[in-house]
């Protein structure tokens, strides 16, 4: 019987950290189902969903503890398969603006107040091509209740974006 764990790791960015973690997962018989890995400042962060039988996951927990040290912290948590809700519609949100405090908070507050699930968020800060102005981009995957009026939601969302001076798109995910 397959079980799932979520593995999170953060530590000083260095060559080989992905290889070290994935080697332990493979050696213990685990399978990486999903993962997100990125460099943030001088740190490297990993989120992984790993599957295996109970014996595999026990071995994995023990083996990963050996990787933990001054420059790497690993946390493991048992989880279950996410149940896909058929009463939700998957949508994508793309936002670009001049960098300002509170953009992610305002977007999250808008969606949370309407019982809209945020499934995934990615943000990045960058310099505008010609002017060098500090820019901020947000990409979100959200799940909207089927009972929600999309046209009304889109109008309210665009009003928020206009107030905050955000250039945004809210569109269905096309599979």
N, C-alpha and C. Protein backbone atom coordinates (compact mmCIF):
# COMPACT_ATOMS: atom_id res chain seq x y z
N UNK A 1 0.84 -1.18 0.00
CA UNK A 1 0.00 0.00 0.00
C UNK A 1 0.89 1.25 0.00
N UNK A 2 0.68 2.12 -0.96
CA UNK A 2 1.49 3.33 -1.08
C UNK A 2 1.03 4.40 -0.10
N UNK A 3 2.01 5.03 0.52
CA UNK A 3 1.75 6.12 1.44
C UNK A 3 2.50 7.34 0.93
N UNK A 4 2.13 8.51 1.46
CA UNK A 4 2.72 9.76 1.00
C UNK A 4 3.31 10.54 2.16
N UNK A 5 4.42 11.21 1.86
CA UNK A 5 4.97 12.18 2.80
C UNK A 5 5.31 13.45 2.03
N UNK A 6 5.28 14.55 2.76
CA UNK A 6 5.77 15.81 2.22
C UNK A 6 7.10 16.05 2.89
N UNK A 7 8.09 16.34 2.08
CA UNK A 7 9.43 16.62 2.56
C UNK A 7 9.70 18.09 2.25
N UNK A 8 10.10 18.85 3.25
CA UNK A 8 10.53 20.23 2.99
C UNK A 8 11.96 20.36 3.50
N UNK A 9 12.76 21.05 2.73
CA UNK A 9 14.16 21.25 3.10
C UNK A 9 14.56 22.66 2.75
N UNK A 10 15.37 23.25 3.60
CA UNK A 10 15.92 24.57 3.33
C UNK A 10 17.34 24.60 3.85
N UNK A 11 18.20 25.20 3.06
CA UNK A 11 19.59 25.28 3.47
C UNK A 11 20.38 26.17 2.53
N UNK A 12 21.64 26.34 2.87
CA UNK A 12 22.52 27.16 2.06
C UNK A 12 22.59 26.59 0.65
N UNK A 13 22.42 27.46 -0.35
CA UNK A 13 22.49 27.01 -1.74
C UNK A 13 23.89 26.52 -2.05
N UNK A 14 23.95 25.32 -2.60
CA UNK A 14 25.23 24.75 -3.00
C UNK A 14 24.99 23.73 -4.09
N UNK A 15 25.99 23.50 -4.89
CA UNK A 15 25.91 22.48 -5.93
C UNK A 15 25.74 21.11 -5.27
N UNK A 16 24.79 20.33 -5.76
CA UNK A 16 24.63 18.96 -5.27
C UNK A 16 23.52 18.75 -4.27
N UNK A 17 22.85 19.79 -3.81
CA UNK A 17 21.82 19.58 -2.79
C UNK A 17 20.65 18.77 -3.36
N UNK A 18 20.24 19.04 -4.59
CA UNK A 18 19.15 18.27 -5.21
C UNK A 18 19.59 16.82 -5.38
N UNK A 19 20.83 16.61 -5.82
CA UNK A 19 21.36 15.26 -6.00
C UNK A 19 21.39 14.52 -4.66
N UNK A 20 21.81 15.19 -3.60
CA UNK A 20 21.89 14.54 -2.28
C UNK A 20 20.51 14.06 -1.81
N UNK A 21 19.51 14.93 -1.92
CA UNK A 21 18.17 14.57 -1.44
C UNK A 21 17.55 13.51 -2.33
N UNK A 22 17.63 13.68 -3.64
CA UNK A 22 17.01 12.71 -4.55
C UNK A 22 17.71 11.35 -4.48
N UNK A 23 19.00 11.33 -4.19
CA UNK A 23 19.74 10.07 -4.03
C UNK A 23 19.21 9.29 -2.83
N UNK A 24 18.95 9.98 -1.73
CA UNK A 24 18.42 9.31 -0.54
C UNK A 24 17.01 8.77 -0.82
N UNK A 25 16.18 9.57 -1.49
CA UNK A 25 14.83 9.11 -1.83
C UNK A 25 14.90 7.85 -2.68
N UNK A 26 15.74 7.85 -3.70
CA UNK A 26 15.88 6.70 -4.57
C UNK A 26 16.44 5.49 -3.82
N UNK A 27 17.48 5.70 -3.02
CA UNK A 27 18.11 4.60 -2.29
C UNK A 27 17.15 3.92 -1.31
N UNK A 28 16.20 4.67 -0.81
CA UNK A 28 15.23 4.10 0.14
C UNK A 28 14.01 3.50 -0.56
N UNK A 29 13.97 3.61 -1.88
CA UNK A 29 12.85 3.04 -2.63
C UNK A 29 11.67 3.99 -2.77
N UNK A 30 11.87 5.27 -2.49
CA UNK A 30 10.79 6.24 -2.62
C UNK A 30 10.68 6.77 -4.03
N UNK A 31 9.55 7.36 -4.33
CA UNK A 31 9.31 7.94 -5.65
C UNK A 31 8.87 9.39 -5.48
N UNK A 32 9.54 10.31 -6.18
CA UNK A 32 9.16 11.72 -6.12
C UNK A 32 7.95 11.92 -7.03
N UNK A 33 6.80 12.20 -6.43
CA UNK A 33 5.56 12.39 -7.18
C UNK A 33 5.46 13.82 -7.73
N UNK A 34 5.77 14.80 -6.89
CA UNK A 34 5.75 16.20 -7.27
C UNK A 34 6.85 16.90 -6.50
N UNK A 35 7.36 18.01 -7.05
CA UNK A 35 8.35 18.78 -6.30
C UNK A 35 8.41 20.21 -6.79
N UNK A 36 8.87 21.06 -5.92
CA UNK A 36 9.17 22.46 -6.23
C UNK A 36 10.53 22.72 -5.59
N UNK A 37 11.44 23.26 -6.34
CA UNK A 37 12.77 23.57 -5.83
C UNK A 37 13.20 24.91 -6.37
N UNK A 38 13.77 25.74 -5.52
CA UNK A 38 14.17 27.06 -5.97
C UNK A 38 15.24 27.66 -5.08
N UNK A 39 15.97 28.60 -5.63
CA UNK A 39 16.94 29.38 -4.87
C UNK A 39 16.26 30.68 -4.45
N UNK A 40 16.33 30.99 -3.17
CA UNK A 40 15.77 32.22 -2.62
C UNK A 40 16.89 32.92 -1.87
N UNK A 41 17.38 34.01 -2.43
CA UNK A 41 18.55 34.65 -1.84
C UNK A 41 19.73 33.70 -1.95
N UNK A 42 20.39 33.44 -0.82
CA UNK A 42 21.50 32.47 -0.81
C UNK A 42 21.06 31.12 -0.27
N UNK A 43 19.75 30.94 -0.10
CA UNK A 43 19.21 29.67 0.41
C UNK A 43 18.57 28.89 -0.73
N UNK A 44 18.50 27.57 -0.56
CA UNK A 44 17.84 26.69 -1.51
C UNK A 44 16.69 26.03 -0.78
N UNK A 45 15.50 26.02 -1.37
CA UNK A 45 14.33 25.44 -0.73
C UNK A 45 13.75 24.32 -1.61
N UNK A 46 13.30 23.26 -0.96
CA UNK A 46 12.75 22.10 -1.63
C UNK A 46 11.42 21.74 -0.97
N UNK A 47 10.43 21.45 -1.79
CA UNK A 47 9.18 20.84 -1.34
C UNK A 47 8.96 19.63 -2.23
N UNK A 48 8.76 18.46 -1.62
CA UNK A 48 8.57 17.23 -2.40
C UNK A 48 7.43 16.42 -1.82
N UNK A 49 6.68 15.81 -2.71
CA UNK A 49 5.70 14.80 -2.34
C UNK A 49 6.32 13.47 -2.74
N UNK A 50 6.56 12.61 -1.76
CA UNK A 50 7.25 11.34 -1.98
C UNK A 50 6.31 10.20 -1.62
N UNK A 51 6.25 9.18 -2.47
CA UNK A 51 5.43 8.01 -2.20
C UNK A 51 6.32 6.80 -1.94
N UNK A 52 5.74 5.86 -1.23
CA UNK A 52 6.42 4.60 -0.94
C UNK A 52 5.60 3.81 0.07
N UNK A 53 6.02 2.59 0.35
CA UNK A 53 5.31 1.83 1.38
C UNK A 53 5.79 2.30 2.76
N UNK A 54 5.18 1.82 3.82
CA UNK A 54 5.52 2.31 5.16
C UNK A 54 6.98 2.06 5.48
N UNK A 55 7.54 0.93 5.02
CA UNK A 55 8.94 0.61 5.30
C UNK A 55 9.87 1.60 4.59
N UNK A 56 9.55 1.91 3.34
CA UNK A 56 10.33 2.88 2.57
C UNK A 56 10.36 4.22 3.27
N UNK A 57 9.21 4.67 3.70
CA UNK A 57 9.12 5.99 4.32
C UNK A 57 9.83 6.04 5.67
N UNK A 58 9.81 4.94 6.42
CA UNK A 58 10.56 4.89 7.68
C UNK A 58 12.06 4.96 7.41
N UNK A 59 12.54 4.21 6.40
CA UNK A 59 13.96 4.26 6.02
C UNK A 59 14.33 5.66 5.55
N UNK A 60 13.45 6.27 4.79
CA UNK A 60 13.69 7.60 4.25
C UNK A 60 13.85 8.63 5.37
N UNK A 61 12.98 8.56 6.35
CA UNK A 61 13.05 9.49 7.47
C UNK A 61 14.39 9.38 8.19
N UNK A 62 14.83 8.17 8.42
CA UNK A 62 16.11 7.94 9.09
C UNK A 62 17.28 8.42 8.23
N UNK A 63 17.26 8.10 6.95
CA UNK A 63 18.36 8.48 6.05
C UNK A 63 18.44 9.99 5.86
N UNK A 64 17.30 10.66 5.78
CA UNK A 64 17.31 12.11 5.59
C UNK A 64 17.83 12.84 6.82
N UNK A 65 17.62 12.25 8.00
CA UNK A 65 18.16 12.86 9.23
C UNK A 65 19.67 12.98 9.16
N UNK A 66 20.33 12.07 8.42
CA UNK A 66 21.78 12.12 8.28
C UNK A 66 22.23 13.29 7.42
N UNK A 67 21.36 13.78 6.54
CA UNK A 67 21.68 14.94 5.71
C UNK A 67 21.52 16.26 6.46
N UNK A 68 20.70 16.23 7.50
CA UNK A 68 20.42 17.44 8.26
C UNK A 68 21.66 17.88 9.00
N UNK A 69 21.94 19.15 8.93
CA UNK A 69 23.10 19.69 9.62
C UNK A 69 22.98 21.19 9.74
N UNK A 70 24.13 21.86 9.92
CA UNK A 70 24.13 23.30 10.07
C UNK A 70 23.61 24.02 8.84
N UNK A 71 23.85 23.44 7.65
CA UNK A 71 23.46 24.15 6.43
C UNK A 71 22.21 23.58 5.77
N UNK A 72 21.54 22.58 6.37
CA UNK A 72 20.34 22.00 5.78
C UNK A 72 19.38 21.53 6.87
N UNK A 73 18.14 22.00 6.78
CA UNK A 73 17.08 21.58 7.69
C UNK A 73 16.02 20.86 6.88
N UNK A 74 15.65 19.65 7.33
CA UNK A 74 14.65 18.85 6.62
C UNK A 74 13.52 18.52 7.57
N UNK A 75 12.29 18.70 7.09
CA UNK A 75 11.10 18.35 7.85
C UNK A 75 10.28 17.40 7.01
N UNK A 76 9.79 16.34 7.64
CA UNK A 76 8.97 15.34 6.95
C UNK A 76 7.61 15.27 7.64
N UNK A 77 6.58 15.18 6.83
CA UNK A 77 5.23 15.11 7.38
C UNK A 77 4.41 14.13 6.55
N UNK A 78 3.71 13.22 7.22
CA UNK A 78 2.84 12.28 6.50
C UNK A 78 1.63 13.05 5.97
N UNK A 79 1.15 12.62 4.80
CA UNK A 79 0.00 13.27 4.19
C UNK A 79 -0.84 12.22 3.48
N UNK A 80 -1.89 12.67 2.84
CA UNK A 80 -2.77 11.78 2.07
C UNK A 80 -2.96 12.37 0.68
N UNK A 81 -3.44 11.56 -0.23
CA UNK A 81 -3.69 12.02 -1.59
C UNK A 81 -4.77 13.11 -1.55
N UNK A 82 -4.53 14.19 -2.28
CA UNK A 82 -5.48 15.30 -2.33
C UNK A 82 -6.72 14.86 -3.10
N UNK A 83 -7.86 15.13 -2.53
CA UNK A 83 -9.11 14.80 -3.18
C UNK A 83 -9.51 15.96 -4.08
N UNK A 84 -9.67 15.67 -5.36
CA UNK A 84 -10.07 16.69 -6.32
C UNK A 84 -11.56 16.94 -6.18
N UNK A 85 -11.90 18.20 -5.99
CA UNK A 85 -13.31 18.56 -5.82
C UNK A 85 -13.92 18.87 -7.19
N UNK A 86 -15.02 18.20 -7.49
CA UNK A 86 -15.67 18.40 -8.79
C UNK A 86 -16.50 19.67 -8.82
N UNK A 87 -16.69 20.31 -7.67
CA UNK A 87 -17.49 21.54 -7.63
C UNK A 87 -16.61 22.79 -7.73
N UNK A 88 -15.38 22.62 -8.20
CA UNK A 88 -14.45 23.75 -8.36
C UNK A 88 -13.97 23.83 -9.80
N UNK A 89 -13.77 25.05 -10.27
CA UNK A 89 -13.27 25.28 -11.63
C UNK A 89 -11.85 25.82 -11.54
N UNK A 90 -10.89 25.18 -12.23
CA UNK A 90 -9.50 25.66 -12.17
C UNK A 90 -9.30 26.89 -13.06
N UNK A 91 -8.71 27.92 -12.47
CA UNK A 91 -8.41 29.16 -13.18
C UNK A 91 -6.96 29.54 -12.92
N UNK A 92 -6.42 30.34 -13.84
CA UNK A 92 -5.06 30.86 -13.70
C UNK A 92 -5.13 32.37 -13.54
N UNK A 93 -4.26 32.89 -12.69
CA UNK A 93 -4.16 34.33 -12.46
C UNK A 93 -2.73 34.75 -12.76
N UNK A 94 -2.58 35.77 -13.59
CA UNK A 94 -1.26 36.35 -13.87
C UNK A 94 -1.35 37.83 -13.55
N UNK A 95 -0.41 38.31 -12.75
CA UNK A 95 -0.39 39.72 -12.34
C UNK A 95 1.02 40.26 -12.53
N UNK A 96 1.11 41.47 -13.05
CA UNK A 96 2.38 42.18 -13.20
C UNK A 96 2.16 43.61 -12.75
N UNK A 97 3.14 44.17 -12.03
CA UNK A 97 3.03 45.56 -11.61
C UNK A 97 4.39 46.07 -11.17
N UNK A 98 4.43 47.36 -10.90
CA UNK A 98 5.60 47.88 -10.20
C UNK A 98 5.64 47.20 -8.84
N UNK A 99 6.81 46.92 -8.34
CA UNK A 99 6.93 46.25 -7.06
C UNK A 99 6.40 47.15 -5.95
N UNK A 100 5.56 46.58 -5.10
CA UNK A 100 5.01 47.31 -3.96
C UNK A 100 4.66 46.30 -2.87
N UNK A 101 4.69 46.74 -1.64
CA UNK A 101 4.32 45.86 -0.53
C UNK A 101 2.84 45.52 -0.59
N UNK A 102 2.51 44.29 -0.19
CA UNK A 102 1.12 43.91 0.00
C UNK A 102 0.41 43.31 -1.19
N UNK A 103 1.09 43.13 -2.31
CA UNK A 103 0.41 42.60 -3.49
C UNK A 103 -0.11 41.19 -3.23
N UNK A 104 0.74 40.30 -2.74
CA UNK A 104 0.32 38.91 -2.49
C UNK A 104 -0.78 38.89 -1.43
N UNK A 105 -0.64 39.69 -0.38
CA UNK A 105 -1.66 39.73 0.67
C UNK A 105 -3.01 40.15 0.09
N UNK A 106 -3.03 41.22 -0.69
CA UNK A 106 -4.30 41.71 -1.25
C UNK A 106 -4.95 40.69 -2.17
N UNK A 107 -4.17 40.00 -2.97
CA UNK A 107 -4.72 38.95 -3.83
C UNK A 107 -5.26 37.79 -2.98
N UNK A 108 -4.48 37.36 -2.01
CA UNK A 108 -4.90 36.24 -1.15
C UNK A 108 -6.17 36.60 -0.37
N UNK A 109 -6.23 37.82 0.14
CA UNK A 109 -7.42 38.26 0.88
C UNK A 109 -8.65 38.28 -0.03
N UNK A 110 -8.49 38.77 -1.25
CA UNK A 110 -9.60 38.80 -2.21
C UNK A 110 -10.15 37.39 -2.44
N UNK A 111 -9.27 36.45 -2.74
CA UNK A 111 -9.73 35.09 -3.03
C UNK A 111 -10.26 34.37 -1.79
N UNK A 112 -9.61 34.51 -0.67
CA UNK A 112 -10.06 33.85 0.57
C UNK A 112 -11.44 34.33 0.98
N UNK A 113 -11.73 35.61 0.81
CA UNK A 113 -13.03 36.15 1.21
C UNK A 113 -14.16 35.61 0.34
N UNK A 114 -13.83 34.97 -0.77
CA UNK A 114 -14.83 34.41 -1.68
C UNK A 114 -14.78 32.87 -1.71
N UNK A 115 -14.10 32.27 -0.73
CA UNK A 115 -13.97 30.81 -0.64
C UNK A 115 -13.32 30.22 -1.89
N UNK A 116 -12.36 30.96 -2.45
CA UNK A 116 -11.63 30.49 -3.61
C UNK A 116 -10.29 29.95 -3.13
N UNK A 117 -10.03 28.69 -3.45
CA UNK A 117 -8.79 28.03 -3.02
C UNK A 117 -7.62 28.49 -3.87
N UNK A 118 -6.52 28.78 -3.23
CA UNK A 118 -5.28 29.06 -3.94
C UNK A 118 -4.47 27.77 -3.91
N UNK A 119 -4.27 27.16 -5.07
CA UNK A 119 -3.57 25.88 -5.15
C UNK A 119 -2.07 26.04 -5.33
N UNK A 120 -1.65 27.13 -5.98
CA UNK A 120 -0.24 27.31 -6.26
C UNK A 120 0.04 28.80 -6.45
N UNK A 121 1.17 29.25 -5.95
CA UNK A 121 1.58 30.65 -6.11
C UNK A 121 3.07 30.68 -6.44
N UNK A 122 3.41 31.48 -7.43
CA UNK A 122 4.82 31.75 -7.74
C UNK A 122 4.95 33.25 -7.93
N UNK A 123 5.97 33.83 -7.30
CA UNK A 123 6.22 35.26 -7.46
C UNK A 123 7.67 35.48 -7.82
N UNK A 124 7.92 36.61 -8.45
CA UNK A 124 9.31 36.97 -8.71
C UNK A 124 9.40 38.48 -8.86
N UNK A 125 10.54 38.98 -8.49
CA UNK A 125 10.86 40.40 -8.63
C UNK A 125 11.92 40.50 -9.71
N UNK A 126 11.80 41.51 -10.57
CA UNK A 126 12.77 41.67 -11.65
C UNK A 126 12.82 43.14 -12.05
N UNK A 127 13.79 43.50 -12.86
CA UNK A 127 13.92 44.87 -13.37
C UNK A 127 13.29 44.96 -14.74
N UNK A 128 12.54 46.02 -14.98
CA UNK A 128 11.91 46.25 -16.28
C UNK A 128 13.00 46.38 -17.35
N UNK A 129 12.70 45.89 -18.54
CA UNK A 129 13.69 45.82 -19.62
C UNK A 129 14.32 47.16 -19.97
N UNK A 130 13.55 48.16 -20.22
CA UNK A 130 14.11 49.42 -20.72
C UNK A 130 14.39 50.44 -19.63
N UNK A 131 13.57 50.43 -18.58
CA UNK A 131 13.71 51.47 -17.56
C UNK A 131 14.46 51.01 -16.32
N UNK A 132 14.51 49.70 -16.10
CA UNK A 132 15.15 49.18 -14.89
C UNK A 132 14.26 49.31 -13.66
N UNK A 133 13.01 49.73 -13.84
CA UNK A 133 12.08 49.88 -12.71
C UNK A 133 11.86 48.52 -12.03
N UNK A 134 11.73 48.51 -10.69
CA UNK A 134 11.49 47.26 -9.98
C UNK A 134 10.07 46.75 -10.26
N UNK A 135 9.98 45.56 -10.83
CA UNK A 135 8.70 44.95 -11.20
C UNK A 135 8.44 43.73 -10.34
N UNK A 136 7.16 43.34 -10.27
CA UNK A 136 6.76 42.19 -9.48
C UNK A 136 5.73 41.40 -10.29
N UNK A 137 5.92 40.09 -10.36
CA UNK A 137 4.99 39.21 -11.09
C UNK A 137 4.48 38.12 -10.16
N UNK A 138 3.20 37.81 -10.31
CA UNK A 138 2.55 36.75 -9.52
C UNK A 138 1.80 35.84 -10.49
N UNK A 139 2.00 34.54 -10.34
CA UNK A 139 1.21 33.56 -11.06
C UNK A 139 0.54 32.68 -10.01
N UNK A 140 -0.77 32.49 -10.15
CA UNK A 140 -1.53 31.67 -9.20
C UNK A 140 -2.37 30.66 -9.95
N UNK A 141 -2.54 29.52 -9.34
CA UNK A 141 -3.53 28.54 -9.77
C UNK A 141 -4.60 28.57 -8.69
N UNK A 142 -5.84 28.84 -9.08
CA UNK A 142 -6.92 28.92 -8.10
C UNK A 142 -8.04 27.97 -8.50
N UNK A 143 -8.88 27.64 -7.53
CA UNK A 143 -10.04 26.78 -7.78
C UNK A 143 -11.28 27.53 -7.30
N UNK A 144 -12.11 27.90 -8.26
CA UNK A 144 -13.29 28.72 -8.00
C UNK A 144 -14.51 27.84 -7.81
N UNK A 145 -15.32 28.10 -6.75
CA UNK A 145 -16.56 27.32 -6.58
C UNK A 145 -17.45 27.45 -7.83
N UNK A 146 -18.04 26.33 -8.25
CA UNK A 146 -18.89 26.32 -9.44
C UNK A 146 -20.08 27.26 -9.27
N UNK A 147 -20.47 27.54 -8.04
CA UNK A 147 -21.62 28.42 -7.80
C UNK A 147 -21.28 29.90 -8.00
N UNK A 148 -20.00 30.22 -8.13
CA UNK A 148 -19.56 31.61 -8.28
C UNK A 148 -19.86 32.11 -9.69
N UNK A 149 -20.37 33.31 -9.78
CA UNK A 149 -20.58 33.95 -11.08
C UNK A 149 -19.23 34.45 -11.59
N UNK A 150 -18.74 33.86 -12.66
CA UNK A 150 -17.42 34.22 -13.17
C UNK A 150 -17.38 35.67 -13.64
N UNK A 151 -18.42 36.12 -14.32
CA UNK A 151 -18.40 37.50 -14.81
C UNK A 151 -18.39 38.49 -13.64
N UNK A 152 -19.15 38.21 -12.60
CA UNK A 152 -19.15 39.07 -11.41
C UNK A 152 -17.79 39.03 -10.71
N UNK A 153 -17.23 37.83 -10.57
CA UNK A 153 -15.92 37.67 -9.96
C UNK A 153 -14.86 38.42 -10.76
N UNK A 154 -14.89 38.26 -12.06
CA UNK A 154 -13.90 38.93 -12.92
C UNK A 154 -14.01 40.45 -12.78
N UNK A 155 -15.25 40.98 -12.73
CA UNK A 155 -15.44 42.42 -12.56
C UNK A 155 -14.85 42.90 -11.24
N UNK A 156 -15.14 42.18 -10.15
CA UNK A 156 -14.61 42.55 -8.84
C UNK A 156 -13.09 42.45 -8.80
N UNK A 157 -12.56 41.40 -9.43
CA UNK A 157 -11.11 41.21 -9.46
C UNK A 157 -10.43 42.34 -10.23
N UNK A 158 -11.01 42.71 -11.37
CA UNK A 158 -10.41 43.79 -12.17
C UNK A 158 -10.51 45.13 -11.44
N UNK A 159 -11.58 45.35 -10.67
CA UNK A 159 -11.70 46.57 -9.86
C UNK A 159 -10.58 46.62 -8.82
N UNK A 160 -10.33 45.49 -8.16
CA UNK A 160 -9.23 45.42 -7.19
C UNK A 160 -7.91 45.73 -7.88
N UNK A 161 -7.68 45.11 -9.01
CA UNK A 161 -6.43 45.32 -9.73
C UNK A 161 -6.28 46.78 -10.19
N UNK A 162 -7.36 47.39 -10.62
CA UNK A 162 -7.31 48.81 -11.00
C UNK A 162 -6.95 49.67 -9.80
N UNK A 163 -7.56 49.39 -8.64
CA UNK A 163 -7.27 50.14 -7.41
C UNK A 163 -5.81 50.02 -7.01
N UNK A 164 -5.25 48.82 -7.19
CA UNK A 164 -3.86 48.56 -6.78
C UNK A 164 -2.85 48.81 -7.90
N UNK A 165 -3.33 49.22 -9.06
CA UNK A 165 -2.48 49.47 -10.22
C UNK A 165 -1.74 48.20 -10.66
N UNK A 166 -2.50 47.11 -10.77
CA UNK A 166 -1.96 45.82 -11.19
C UNK A 166 -2.49 45.51 -12.59
N UNK A 167 -1.63 45.00 -13.44
CA UNK A 167 -2.04 44.50 -14.75
C UNK A 167 -2.30 43.01 -14.55
N UNK A 168 -3.53 42.54 -14.81
CA UNK A 168 -3.87 41.17 -14.44
C UNK A 168 -4.73 40.46 -15.49
N UNK A 169 -4.64 39.14 -15.45
CA UNK A 169 -5.47 38.27 -16.29
C UNK A 169 -6.01 37.17 -15.38
N UNK A 170 -7.30 36.89 -15.52
CA UNK A 170 -7.97 35.80 -14.83
C UNK A 170 -8.63 34.96 -15.92
N UNK A 171 -8.12 33.74 -16.13
CA UNK A 171 -8.64 32.93 -17.22
C UNK A 171 -8.72 31.46 -16.83
N UNK A 172 -9.62 30.71 -17.48
CA UNK A 172 -9.73 29.28 -17.17
C UNK A 172 -8.48 28.53 -17.59
N UNK A 173 -8.18 27.49 -16.86
CA UNK A 173 -7.06 26.62 -17.23
C UNK A 173 -7.53 25.72 -18.36
N UNK A 174 -6.77 25.73 -19.41
CA UNK A 174 -7.11 24.91 -20.58
C UNK A 174 -6.22 23.68 -20.56
N UNK A 175 -6.82 22.52 -20.46
CA UNK A 175 -6.01 21.30 -20.40
C UNK A 175 -5.87 20.64 -21.73
